Amino acid sequence: MMEKRKLKEDFKVKKAGLWVVSCLMFLVWSLPAAAATTLVIKGSTTVLPVAQVALEAYMKSHPGVNISLSGGGSGEGIKALIDRSTDIANSSREIKEKETASAKAKGVSPMEHVVAIDAIVPIVNPRNKVNGLTLDQLSQIYQGKITNWKEVGGDNIPIVVVSRDSSSGTYESWGHLVLNGAKVTPKAQLQASSGAVVQTVSKNRYAIGYIGLGYLNRSVKGVSVNGIQASVQTVLAKTYSIARPLYMYTDGQPKGEAAGFIRFVLSPAGQKLVEKEGFVPVQASDKKGAKKGKK
């Protein structure tokens, strides 16, 4: 009798224990999964390679963060920031006064963060025998005043001008640094990305284009400007003339993952990735940190 009673008591204890475990498991299963944080980054295709390698490294140490990265051009990125549809706007040009005014009207305060320095490189097909051009020759080619390669030491054949489209920050910078505000010839073939410029020039022996230094590869040939080849060293020495800062814009002082991501890009580890992609790291003696956009 004693043994039967003991068995019944043991069974009740085990049954009660199983009930407690079941309840705990139900509670755990019923808890909502922790929502992943999503960071949206949009804009310049020039800044895109920097943002891509940085986000890959950042997500390894922040597995709970989802990052949505897309191009579209500097103008589209800044527009998205003003519309509050992106957390970070990548831009290869400084924000315009009219964009700052539009942002202010919507309660957005653009703050710029210089994340790298870039050289804009004129490129030709590797089979083109022209290796160097002056700044003035580039200006005349893109204005449609020089139209044949023989005028700059090449073959007697028309120049096919390839340019970025007007939504591109690289287009804006080229217009400022090379054309001094003059318009690109209407005969130019406009491309939506730096990659498209590379592809077009690589397939046309007599085409000329321009890209950020980070996009330069063996399928095209970089042309020297005033006898100086674009490189990290010549940009740092300020002997290469077609160079500009690259930006990430936020709405005011960045918070949360936006702050963490930009902090990583500007860290020594992030700047090593910048250099690895062919861009120039931000130097302590030059622009660094953040400042508010134009008012």
C-alpha atoms as a PDB file:
ATOM      1  CA  MET A   1       0.000   0.000   0.000  1.00  0.00           C
ATOM      2  CA  MET A   2       2.789   2.394   0.949  1.00  0.00           C
ATOM      3  CA  GLU A   3       4.543   1.744  -2.361  1.00  0.00           C
ATOM      4  CA  LYS A   4       1.345   2.417  -4.367  1.00  0.00           C
ATOM      5  CA  ARG A   5       0.726   5.662  -2.472  1.00  0.00           C
ATOM      6  CA  LYS A   6       4.335   6.762  -3.110  1.00  0.00           C
ATOM      7  CA  LEU A   7       4.011   5.998  -6.824  1.00  0.00           C
ATOM      8  CA  LYS A   8       0.819   8.085  -7.016  1.00  0.00           C
ATOM      9  CA  GLU A   9       2.510  11.006  -5.271  1.00  0.00           C
ATOM     10  CA  ASP A  10       5.540  10.794  -7.583  1.00  0.00           C
ATOM     11  CA  PHE A  11       3.206  10.750 -10.583  1.00  0.00           C
ATOM     12  CA  LYS A  12       1.375  13.859  -9.315  1.00  0.00           C
ATOM     13  CA  VAL A  13       4.672  15.702  -8.818  1.00  0.00           C
ATOM     14  CA  LYS A  14       5.889  14.783 -12.315  1.00  0.00           C
ATOM     15  CA  LYS A  15       2.521  15.729 -13.798  1.00  0.00           C
ATOM     16  CA  ALA A  16       2.638  19.100 -12.053  1.00  0.00           C
ATOM     17  CA  GLY A  17       6.207  19.629 -13.265  1.00  0.00           C
ATOM     18  CA  LEU A  18       5.235  18.881 -16.840  1.00  0.00           C
ATOM     19  CA  TRP A  19       2.315  21.311 -16.557  1.00  0.00           C
ATOM     20  CA  VAL A  20       4.657  24.100 -15.373  1.00  0.00           C
ATOM     21  CA  VAL A  21       7.130  23.399 -18.195  1.00  0.00           C
ATOM     22  CA  SER A  22       4.296  23.394 -20.734  1.00  0.00           C
ATOM     23  CA  CYS A  23       3.028  26.733 -19.431  1.00  0.00           C
ATOM     24  CA  LEU A  24       6.503  28.264 -19.627  1.00  0.00           C
ATOM     25  CA  MET A  25       6.979  27.002 -23.178  1.00  0.00           C
ATOM     26  CA  PHE A  26       3.574  28.408 -24.167  1.00  0.00           C
ATOM     27  CA  LEU A  27       4.515  31.795 -22.714  1.00  0.00           C
ATOM     28  CA  VAL A  28       7.831  31.808 -24.601  1.00  0.00           C
ATOM     29  CA  TRP A  29       6.141  30.853 -27.869  1.00  0.00           C
ATOM     30  CA  SER A  30       3.454  33.488 -27.282  1.00  0.00           C
ATOM     31  CA  LEU A  31       5.973  36.338 -26.855  1.00  0.00           C
ATOM     32  CA  PRO A  32       6.332  38.477 -30.025  1.00  0.00           C
ATOM     33  CA  ALA A  33       9.699  38.160 -31.780  1.00  0.00           C
ATOM     34  CA  ALA A  34      11.960  41.166 -31.302  1.00  0.00           C
ATOM     35  CA  ALA A  35      11.390  43.458 -34.258  1.00  0.00           C
ATOM     36  CA  ALA A  36      14.488  43.934 -36.408  1.00  0.00           C
ATOM     37  CA  THR A  37      15.616  47.532 -36.874  1.00  0.00           C
ATOM     38  CA  THR A  38      15.530  48.689 -40.491  1.00  0.00           C
ATOM     39  CA  LEU A  39      17.908  51.367 -41.758  1.00  0.00           C
ATOM     40  CA  VAL A  40      17.151  52.874 -45.173  1.00  0.00           C
ATOM     41  CA  ILE A  41      19.997  54.361 -47.251  1.00  0.00           C
ATOM     42  CA  LYS A  42      19.472  55.825 -50.728  1.00  0.00           C
ATOM     43  CA  GLY A  43      21.155  58.068 -53.281  1.00  0.00           C
ATOM     44  CA  SER A  44      24.440  58.474 -55.132  1.00  0.00           C
ATOM     45  CA  THR A  45      25.741  55.544 -57.170  1.00  0.00           C
ATOM     46  CA  THR A  46      29.264  56.876 -56.562  1.00  0.00           C
ATOM     47  CA  VAL A  47      28.866  56.474 -52.801  1.00  0.00           C
ATOM     48  CA  LEU A  48      27.114  53.118 -53.318  1.00  0.00           C
ATOM     49  CA  PRO A  49      30.274  50.914 -53.217  1.00  0.00           C
ATOM     50  CA  VAL A  50      31.393  52.557 -49.954  1.00  0.00           C
ATOM     51  CA  ALA A  51      27.964  52.093 -48.385  1.00  0.00           C
ATOM     52  CA  GLN A  52      27.771  48.485 -49.632  1.00  0.00           C
ATOM     53  CA  VAL A  53      31.039  47.277 -48.090  1.00  0.00           C
ATOM     54  CA  ALA A  54      30.370  49.267 -44.925  1.00  0.00           C
ATOM     55  CA  LEU A  55      26.907  47.791 -44.425  1.00  0.00           C
ATOM     56  CA  GLU A  56      28.208  44.251 -44.967  1.00  0.00           C
ATOM     57  CA  ALA A  57      30.782  44.770 -42.214  1.00  0.00           C
ATOM     58  CA  TYR A  58      28.329  46.624 -39.968  1.00  0.00           C
ATOM     59  CA  MET A  59      25.642  43.930 -40.196  1.00  0.00           C
ATOM     60  CA  LYS A  60      28.106  41.262 -39.074  1.00  0.00           C
ATOM     61  CA  SER A  61      28.428  42.982 -35.706  1.00  0.00           C
ATOM     62  CA  HIS A  62      24.769  44.120 -35.668  1.00  0.00           C
ATOM     63  CA  PRO A  63      22.787  41.024 -36.744  1.00  0.00           C
ATOM     64  CA  GLY A  64      19.489  42.551 -35.590  1.00  0.00           C
ATOM     65  CA  VAL A  65      19.697  45.351 -38.147  1.00  0.00           C
ATOM     66  CA  ASN A  66      18.245  45.169 -41.649  1.00  0.00           C
ATOM     67  CA  ILE A  67      19.738  47.707 -44.053  1.00  0.00           C
ATOM     68  CA  SER A  68      17.985  48.666 -47.278  1.00  0.00           C
ATOM     69  CA  LEU A  69      20.485  50.205 -49.719  1.00  0.00           C
ATOM     70  CA  SER A  70      19.684  51.582 -53.176  1.00  0.00           C
ATOM     71  CA  GLY A  71      21.072  54.044 -55.732  1.00  0.00           C
ATOM     72  CA  GLY A  72      19.087  56.378 -57.936  1.00  0.00           C
ATOM     73  CA  GLY A  73      21.442  59.354 -57.828  1.00  0.00           C
ATOM     74  CA  SER A  74      22.288  62.100 -55.361  1.00  0.00           C
ATOM     75  CA  GLY A  75      19.201  64.138 -56.211  1.00  0.00           C
ATOM     76  CA  GLU A  76      16.902  61.193 -55.570  1.00  0.00           C
ATOM     77  CA  GLY A  77      18.606  60.460 -52.258  1.00  0.00           C
ATOM     78  CA  ILE A  78      18.230  64.038 -51.018  1.00  0.00           C
ATOM     79  CA  LYS A  79      14.619  64.103 -52.224  1.00  0.00           C
ATOM     80  CA  ALA A  80      13.956  60.922 -50.227  1.00  0.00           C
ATOM     81  CA  LEU A  81      15.515  62.522 -47.130  1.00  0.00           C
ATOM     82  CA  ILE A  82      13.237  65.540 -47.512  1.00  0.00           C
ATOM     83  CA  ASP A  83      10.233  63.212 -47.935  1.00  0.00           C
ATOM     84  CA  ARG A  84      11.374  61.227 -44.875  1.00  0.00           C
ATOM     85  CA  SER A  85      11.497  57.998 -46.895  1.00  0.00           C
ATOM     86  CA  THR A  86      15.189  57.395 -46.168  1.00  0.00           C
ATOM     87  CA  ASP A  87      17.301  57.625 -43.021  1.00  0.00           C
ATOM     88  CA  ILE A  88      20.540  58.426 -44.855  1.00  0.00           C
ATOM     89  CA  ALA A  89      20.931  60.132 -48.233  1.00  0.00           C
ATOM     90  CA  ASN A  90      24.164  59.353 -50.074  1.00  0.00           C
ATOM     91  CA  SER A  91      25.384  62.246 -52.207  1.00  0.00           C
ATOM     92  CA  SER A  92      28.416  62.984 -54.356  1.00  0.00           C
ATOM     93  CA  ARG A  93      27.634  66.700 -54.232  1.00  0.00           C
ATOM     94  CA  GLU A  94      26.759  69.243 -51.579  1.00  0.00           C
ATOM     95  CA  ILE A  95      23.069  69.846 -50.958  1.00  0.00           C
ATOM     96  CA  LYS A  96      21.655  72.762 -52.980  1.00  0.00           C
ATOM     97  CA  GLU A  97      20.157  75.861 -51.377  1.00  0.00           C
ATOM     98  CA  LYS A  98      16.741  75.156 -52.903  1.00  0.00           C
ATOM     99  CA  GLU A  99      16.838  71.613 -51.493  1.00  0.00           C
ATOM    100  CA  THR A 100      17.707  72.948 -48.041  1.00  0.00           C
ATOM    101  CA  ALA A 101      14.807  75.415 -48.298  1.00  0.00           C
ATOM    102  CA  SER A 102      12.444  72.635 -49.361  1.00  0.00           C
ATOM    103  CA  ALA A 103      13.637  70.490 -46.461  1.00  0.00           C
ATOM    104  CA  LYS A 104      13.179  73.327 -43.975  1.00  0.00           C
ATOM    105  CA  ALA A 105       9.599  73.853 -45.200  1.00  0.00           C
ATOM    106  CA  LYS A 106       8.887  70.210 -44.321  1.00  0.00           C
ATOM    107  CA  GLY A 107      10.581  70.356 -40.941  1.00  0.00           C
ATOM    108  CA  VAL A 108      13.695  68.482 -42.072  1.00  0.00           C
ATOM    109  CA  SER A 109      17.168  69.754 -41.100  1.00  0.00           C
ATOM    110  CA  PRO A 110      19.754  68.198 -43.454  1.00  0.00           C
ATOM    111  CA  MET A 111      23.084  67.524 -41.776  1.00  0.00           C
ATOM    112  CA  GLU A 112      26.056  66.519 -43.907  1.00  0.00           C
ATOM    113  CA  HIS A 113      28.742  64.012 -43.023  1.00  0.00           C
ATOM    114  CA  VAL A 114      31.842  63.891 -45.253  1.00  0.00           C
ATOM    115  CA  VAL A 115      32.725  60.188 -45.493  1.00  0.00           C
ATOM    116  CA  ALA A 116      35.346  60.124 -48.274  1.00  0.00           C
ATOM    117  CA  ILE A 117      37.108  62.167 -50.948  1.00  0.00           C
ATOM    118  CA  ASP A 118      36.706  61.125 -54.573  1.00  0.00           C
ATOM    119  CA  ALA A 119      38.443  61.901 -57.848  1.00  0.00           C
ATOM    120  CA  ILE A 120      36.365  62.099 -61.020  1.00  0.00           C
ATOM    121  CA  VAL A 121      38.284  60.319 -63.764  1.00  0.00           C
ATOM    122  CA  PRO A 122      37.796  60.836 -67.516  1.00  0.00           C
ATOM    123  CA  ILE A 123      37.835  57.428 -69.206  1.00  0.00           C
ATOM    124  CA  VAL A 124      38.268  56.117 -72.736  1.00  0.00           C
ATOM    125  CA  ASN A 125      38.302  52.695 -74.330  1.00  0.00           C
ATOM    126  CA  PRO A 126      41.634  50.838 -73.811  1.00  0.00           C
ATOM    127  CA  ARG A 127      42.098  50.714 -77.612  1.00  0.00           C
ATOM    128  CA  ASN A 128      42.013  54.518 -77.852  1.00  0.00           C
ATOM    129  CA  LYS A 129      45.579  55.854 -78.190  1.00  0.00           C
ATOM    130  CA  VAL A 130      44.811  59.098 -76.328  1.00  0.00           C
ATOM    131  CA  ASN A 131      46.279  58.864 -72.816  1.00  0.00           C
ATOM    132  CA  GLY A 132      45.988  62.415 -71.554  1.00  0.00           C
ATOM    133  CA  LEU A 133      43.889  65.555 -71.958  1.00  0.00           C
ATOM    134  CA  THR A 134      43.979  69.047 -70.525  1.00  0.00           C
ATOM    135  CA  LEU A 135      41.148  70.431 -68.429  1.00  0.00           C
ATOM    136  CA  ASP A 136      40.360  72.853 -71.249  1.00  0.00           C
ATOM    137  CA  GLN A 137      40.198  70.043 -73.822  1.00  0.00           C
ATOM    138  CA  LEU A 138      37.803  68.099 -71.600  1.00  0.00           C
ATOM    139  CA  SER A 139      35.637  71.180 -71.234  1.00  0.00           C
ATOM    140  CA  GLN A 140      35.522  71.730 -74.996  1.00  0.00           C
ATOM    141  CA  ILE A 141      34.772  68.059 -75.690  1.00  0.00           C
ATOM    142  CA  TYR A 142      31.841  68.046 -73.273  1.00  0.00           C
ATOM    143  CA  GLN A 143      30.498  71.340 -74.604  1.00  0.00           C
ATOM    144  CA  GLY A 144      30.620  69.943 -78.143  1.00  0.00           C
ATOM    145  CA  LYS A 145      33.330  72.361 -79.326  1.00  0.00           C
ATOM    146  CA  ILE A 146      35.892  69.593 -79.935  1.00  0.00           C
ATOM    147  CA  THR A 147      34.160  66.793 -81.822  1.00  0.00           C
ATOM    148  CA  ASN A 148      36.930  64.710 -83.414  1.00  0.00           C
ATOM    149  CA  TRP A 149      39.697  62.689 -81.746  1.00  0.00           C
ATOM    150  CA  LYS A 150      42.280  64.038 -84.228  1.00  0.00           C
ATOM    151  CA  GLU A 151      41.945  67.456 -82.533  1.00  0.00           C
ATOM    152  CA  VAL A 152      43.478  66.002 -79.356  1.00  0.00           C
ATOM    153  CA  GLY A 153      46.043  63.619 -80.871  1.00  0.00           C
ATOM    154  CA  GLY A 154      43.786  60.682 -81.667  1.00  0.00           C
ATOM    155  CA  ASP A 155      42.371  59.024 -84.778  1.00  0.00           C
ATOM    156  CA  ASN A 156      40.370  60.958 -87.346  1.00  0.00           C
ATOM    157  CA  ILE A 157      36.975  59.876 -86.055  1.00  0.00           C
ATOM    158  CA  PRO A 158      34.110  61.565 -84.172  1.00  0.00           C
ATOM    159  CA  ILE A 159      34.132  61.573 -80.365  1.00  0.00           C
ATOM    160  CA  VAL A 160      31.211  59.782 -78.709  1.00  0.00           C
ATOM    161  CA  VAL A 161      30.473  61.788 -75.560  1.00  0.00           C
ATOM    162  CA  VAL A 162      29.059  59.824 -72.625  1.00  0.00           C
ATOM    163  CA  SER A 163      27.818  61.610 -69.512  1.00  0.00           C
ATOM    164  CA  ARG A 164      25.890  60.953 -66.322  1.00  0.00           C
ATOM    165  CA  ASP A 165      22.297  62.198 -66.276  1.00  0.00           C
ATOM    166  CA  SER A 166      21.243  65.407 -64.543  1.00  0.00           C
ATOM    167  CA  SER A 167      20.033  63.663 -61.358  1.00  0.00           C
ATOM    168  CA  SER A 168      23.615  62.589 -60.656  1.00  0.00           C
ATOM    169  CA  GLY A 169      25.875  64.381 -58.214  1.00  0.00           C
ATOM    170  CA  THR A 170      28.815  63.379 -60.401  1.00  0.00           C
ATOM    171  CA  TYR A 171      27.146  65.222 -63.298  1.00  0.00           C
ATOM    172  CA  GLU A 172      26.812  68.305 -61.076  1.00  0.00           C
ATOM    173  CA  SER A 173      30.442  68.095 -59.934  1.00  0.00           C
ATOM    174  CA  TRP A 174      31.724  67.583 -63.487  1.00  0.00           C
ATOM    175  CA  GLY A 175      29.739  70.610 -64.638  1.00  0.00           C
ATOM    176  CA  HIS A 176      31.245  72.707 -61.859  1.00  0.00           C
ATOM    177  CA  LEU A 177      34.850  71.457 -61.884  1.00  0.00           C
ATOM    178  CA  VAL A 178      35.327  70.913 -65.627  1.00  0.00           C
ATOM    179  CA  LEU A 179      32.713  72.961 -67.480  1.00  0.00           C
ATOM    180  CA  ASN A 180      32.614  75.957 -65.118  1.00  0.00           C
ATOM    181  CA  GLY A 181      28.833  75.873 -65.237  1.00  0.00           C
ATOM    182  CA  ALA A 182      28.502  75.434 -69.013  1.00  0.00           C
ATOM    183  CA  LYS A 183      26.013  72.867 -70.323  1.00  0.00           C
ATOM    184  CA  VAL A 184      26.922  69.402 -71.570  1.00  0.00           C
ATOM    185  CA  THR A 185      26.411  68.982 -75.309  1.00  0.00           C
ATOM    186  CA  PRO A 186      22.891  67.732 -76.165  1.00  0.00           C
ATOM    187  CA  LYS A 187      24.556  65.023 -78.277  1.00  0.00           C
ATOM    188  CA  ALA A 188      25.944  63.333 -75.145  1.00  0.00           C
ATOM    189  CA  GLN A 189      24.679  59.858 -74.295  1.00  0.00           C
ATOM    190  CA  LEU A 190      23.289  60.168 -70.759  1.00  0.00           C
ATOM    191  CA  GLN A 191      23.677  57.234 -68.379  1.00  0.00           C
ATOM    192  CA  ALA A 192      21.867  56.576 -65.098  1.00  0.00           C
ATOM    193  CA  SER A 193      24.845  55.141 -63.203  1.00  0.00           C
ATOM    194  CA  SER A 194      28.640  55.064 -63.095  1.00  0.00           C
ATOM    195  CA  GLY A 195      28.516  51.374 -63.959  1.00  0.00           C
ATOM    196  CA  ALA A 196      26.533  52.159 -67.108  1.00  0.00           C
ATOM    197  CA  VAL A 197      29.155  54.740 -68.143  1.00  0.00           C
ATOM    198  CA  VAL A 198      31.918  52.143 -67.735  1.00  0.00           C
ATOM    199  CA  GLN A 199      29.970  49.576 -69.736  1.00  0.00           C
ATOM    200  CA  THR A 200      29.210  52.021 -72.569  1.00  0.00           C
ATOM    201  CA  VAL A 201      32.816  53.233 -72.902  1.00  0.00           C
ATOM    202  CA  SER A 202      34.221  49.699 -72.688  1.00  0.00           C
ATOM    203  CA  LYS A 203      32.136  48.715 -75.720  1.00  0.00           C
ATOM    204  CA  ASN A 204      32.857  51.777 -77.899  1.00  0.00           C
ATOM    205  CA  ARG A 205      36.415  52.415 -79.052  1.00  0.00           C
ATOM    206  CA  TYR A 206      35.786  56.128 -79.579  1.00  0.00           C
ATOM    207  CA  ALA A 207      33.688  56.974 -76.540  1.00  0.00           C
ATOM    208  CA  ILE A 208      34.728  59.164 -73.615  1.00  0.00           C
ATOM    209  CA  GLY A 209      33.088  59.227 -70.193  1.00  0.00           C
ATOM    210  CA  TYR A 210      33.767  60.123 -66.576  1.00  0.00           C
ATOM    211  CA  ILE A 211      33.382  58.157 -63.341  1.00  0.00           C
ATOM    212  CA  GLY A 212      34.385  58.165 -59.697  1.00  0.00           C
ATOM    213  CA  LEU A 213      37.841  56.719 -59.034  1.00  0.00           C
ATOM    214  CA  GLY A 214      36.310  53.772 -57.189  1.00  0.00           C
ATOM    215  CA  TYR A 215      34.648  52.561 -60.407  1.00  0.00           C
ATOM    216  CA  LEU A 216      37.836  52.503 -62.478  1.00  0.00           C
ATOM    217  CA  ASN A 217      38.664  48.997 -63.748  1.00  0.00           C
ATOM    218  CA  ARG A 218      40.573  47.286 -66.560  1.00  0.00           C
ATOM    219  CA  SER A 219      37.680  47.409 -69.018  1.00  0.00           C
ATOM    220  CA  VAL A 220      38.352  51.147 -69.495  1.00  0.00           C
ATOM    221  CA  LYS A 221      41.398  53.446 -69.413  1.00  0.00           C
ATOM    222  CA  GLY A 222      41.761  56.396 -67.083  1.00  0.00           C
ATOM    223  CA  VAL A 223      43.001  59.533 -68.869  1.00  0.00           C
ATOM    224  CA  SER A 224      45.419  61.909 -67.145  1.00  0.00           C
ATOM    225  CA  VAL A 225      44.333  65.527 -66.671  1.00  0.00           C
ATOM    226  CA  ASN A 226      46.967  68.235 -67.216  1.00  0.00           C
ATOM    227  CA  GLY A 227      49.563  65.464 -67.052  1.00  0.00           C
ATOM    228  CA  ILE A 228      48.389  64.135 -63.662  1.00  0.00           C
ATOM    229  CA  GLN A 229      46.873  60.676 -63.266  1.00  0.00           C
ATOM    230  CA  ALA A 230      44.053  60.322 -60.739  1.00  0.00           C
ATOM    231  CA  SER A 231      45.036  58.316 -57.655  1.00  0.00           C
ATOM    232  CA  VAL A 232      44.689  58.379 -53.890  1.00  0.00           C
ATOM    233  CA  GLN A 233      48.171  59.905 -53.695  1.00  0.00           C
ATOM    234  CA  THR A 234      47.549  62.712 -56.219  1.00  0.00           C
ATOM    235  CA  VAL A 235      44.240  63.604 -54.573  1.00  0.00           C
ATOM    236  CA  LEU A 236      45.903  63.786 -51.150  1.00  0.00           C
ATOM    237  CA  ALA A 237      48.715  65.889 -52.619  1.00  0.00           C
ATOM    238  CA  LYS A 238      46.040  68.116 -54.234  1.00  0.00           C
ATOM    239  CA  THR A 239      47.825  67.884 -57.586  1.00  0.00           C
ATOM    240  CA  TYR A 240      44.846  66.205 -59.264  1.00  0.00           C
ATOM    241  CA  SER A 241      42.280  68.900 -59.976  1.00  0.00           C
ATOM    242  CA  ILE A 242      38.969  67.029 -60.414  1.00  0.00           C
ATOM    243  CA  ALA A 243      38.230  65.935 -56.850  1.00  0.00           C
ATOM    244  CA  ARG A 244      35.274  66.397 -54.491  1.00  0.00           C
ATOM    245  CA  PRO A 245      33.983  65.208 -51.092  1.00  0.00           C
ATOM    246  CA  LEU A 246      31.415  62.423 -50.790  1.00  0.00           C
ATOM    247  CA  TYR A 247      28.582  62.872 -48.309  1.00  0.00           C
ATOM    248  CA  MET A 248      25.986  61.103 -46.243  1.00  0.00           C
ATOM    249  CA  TYR A 249      23.073  63.338 -45.187  1.00  0.00           C
ATOM    250  CA  THR A 250      20.753  62.808 -42.228  1.00  0.00           C
ATOM    251  CA  ASP A 251      17.796  64.702 -40.796  1.00  0.00           C
ATOM    252  CA  GLY A 252      19.574  66.579 -38.024  1.00  0.00           C
ATOM    253  CA  GLN A 253      21.939  64.818 -35.654  1.00  0.00           C
ATOM    254  CA  PRO A 254      21.674  61.120 -36.536  1.00  0.00           C
ATOM    255  CA  LYS A 255      20.144  58.788 -33.976  1.00  0.00           C
ATOM    256  CA  GLY A 256      19.993  55.059 -33.413  1.00  0.00           C
ATOM    257  CA  GLU A 257      21.341  52.840 -36.170  1.00  0.00           C
ATOM    258  CA  ALA A 258      21.870  55.794 -38.539  1.00  0.00           C
ATOM    259  CA  ALA A 259      24.286  57.275 -35.992  1.00  0.00           C
ATOM    260  CA  GLY A 260      25.951  53.908 -35.445  1.00  0.00           C
ATOM    261  CA  PHE A 261      26.392  53.279 -39.166  1.00  0.00           C
ATOM    262  CA  ILE A 262      27.904  56.698 -39.935  1.00  0.00           C
ATOM    263  CA  ARG A 263      30.143  56.390 -36.888  1.00  0.00           C
ATOM    264  CA  PHE A 264      31.383  53.060 -38.284  1.00  0.00           C
ATOM    265  CA  VAL A 265      32.027  54.511 -41.770  1.00  0.00           C
ATOM    266  CA  LEU A 266      34.144  57.274 -40.204  1.00  0.00           C
ATOM    267  CA  SER A 267      35.999  54.884 -37.877  1.00  0.00           C
ATOM    268  CA  PRO A 268      39.504  53.599 -38.757  1.00  0.00           C
ATOM    269  CA  ALA A 269      37.968  50.266 -39.831  1.00  0.00           C
ATOM    270  CA  GLY A 270      35.397  52.028 -42.000  1.00  0.00           C
ATOM    271  CA  GLN A 271      37.967  54.325 -43.587  1.00  0.00           C
ATOM    272  CA  LYS A 272      40.115  51.303 -44.468  1.00  0.00           C
ATOM    273  CA  LEU A 273      37.124  49.991 -46.424  1.00  0.00           C
ATOM    274  CA  VAL A 274      36.798  53.399 -48.112  1.00  0.00           C
ATOM    275  CA  GLU A 275      40.431  53.202 -49.253  1.00  0.00           C
ATOM    276  CA  LYS A 276      40.052  49.571 -50.332  1.00  0.00           C
ATOM    277  CA  GLU A 277      37.222  50.629 -52.653  1.00  0.00           C
ATOM    278  CA  GLY A 278      39.549  53.110 -54.368  1.00  0.00           C
ATOM    279  CA  PHE A 279      38.397  56.282 -52.628  1.00  0.00           C
ATOM    280  CA  VAL A 280      40.413  58.654 -50.469  1.00  0.00           C
ATOM    281  CA  PRO A 281      39.869  58.415 -46.695  1.00  0.00           C
ATOM    282  CA  VAL A 282      38.764  61.562 -44.910  1.00  0.00           C
ATOM    283  CA  GLN A 283      41.895  63.215 -43.513  1.00  0.00           C
ATOM    284  CA  ALA A 284      42.100  64.818 -40.081  1.00  0.00           C
ATOM    285  CA  SER A 285      43.492  67.980 -41.654  1.00  0.00           C
ATOM    286  CA  ASP A 286      40.599  68.220 -44.108  1.00  0.00           C
ATOM    287  CA  LYS A 287      36.842  68.122 -43.650  1.00  0.00           C
ATOM    288  CA  LYS A 288      35.677  65.688 -41.051  1.00  0.00           C
ATOM    289  CA  GLY A 289      32.718  65.059 -38.821  1.00  0.00           C
ATOM    290  CA  ALA A 290      29.433  66.770 -39.544  1.00  0.00           C
ATOM    291  CA  LYS A 291      28.019  70.163 -40.234  1.00  0.00           C
ATOM    292  CA  LYS A 292      24.549  71.460 -41.018  1.00  0.00           C
ATOM    293  CA  GLY A 293      23.516  71.820 -44.637  1.00  0.00           C
ATOM    294  CA  LYS A 294      23.238  75.154 -46.378  1.00  0.00           C
ATOM    295  CA  LYS A 295      20.462  77.474 -45.260  1.00  0.00           C
END
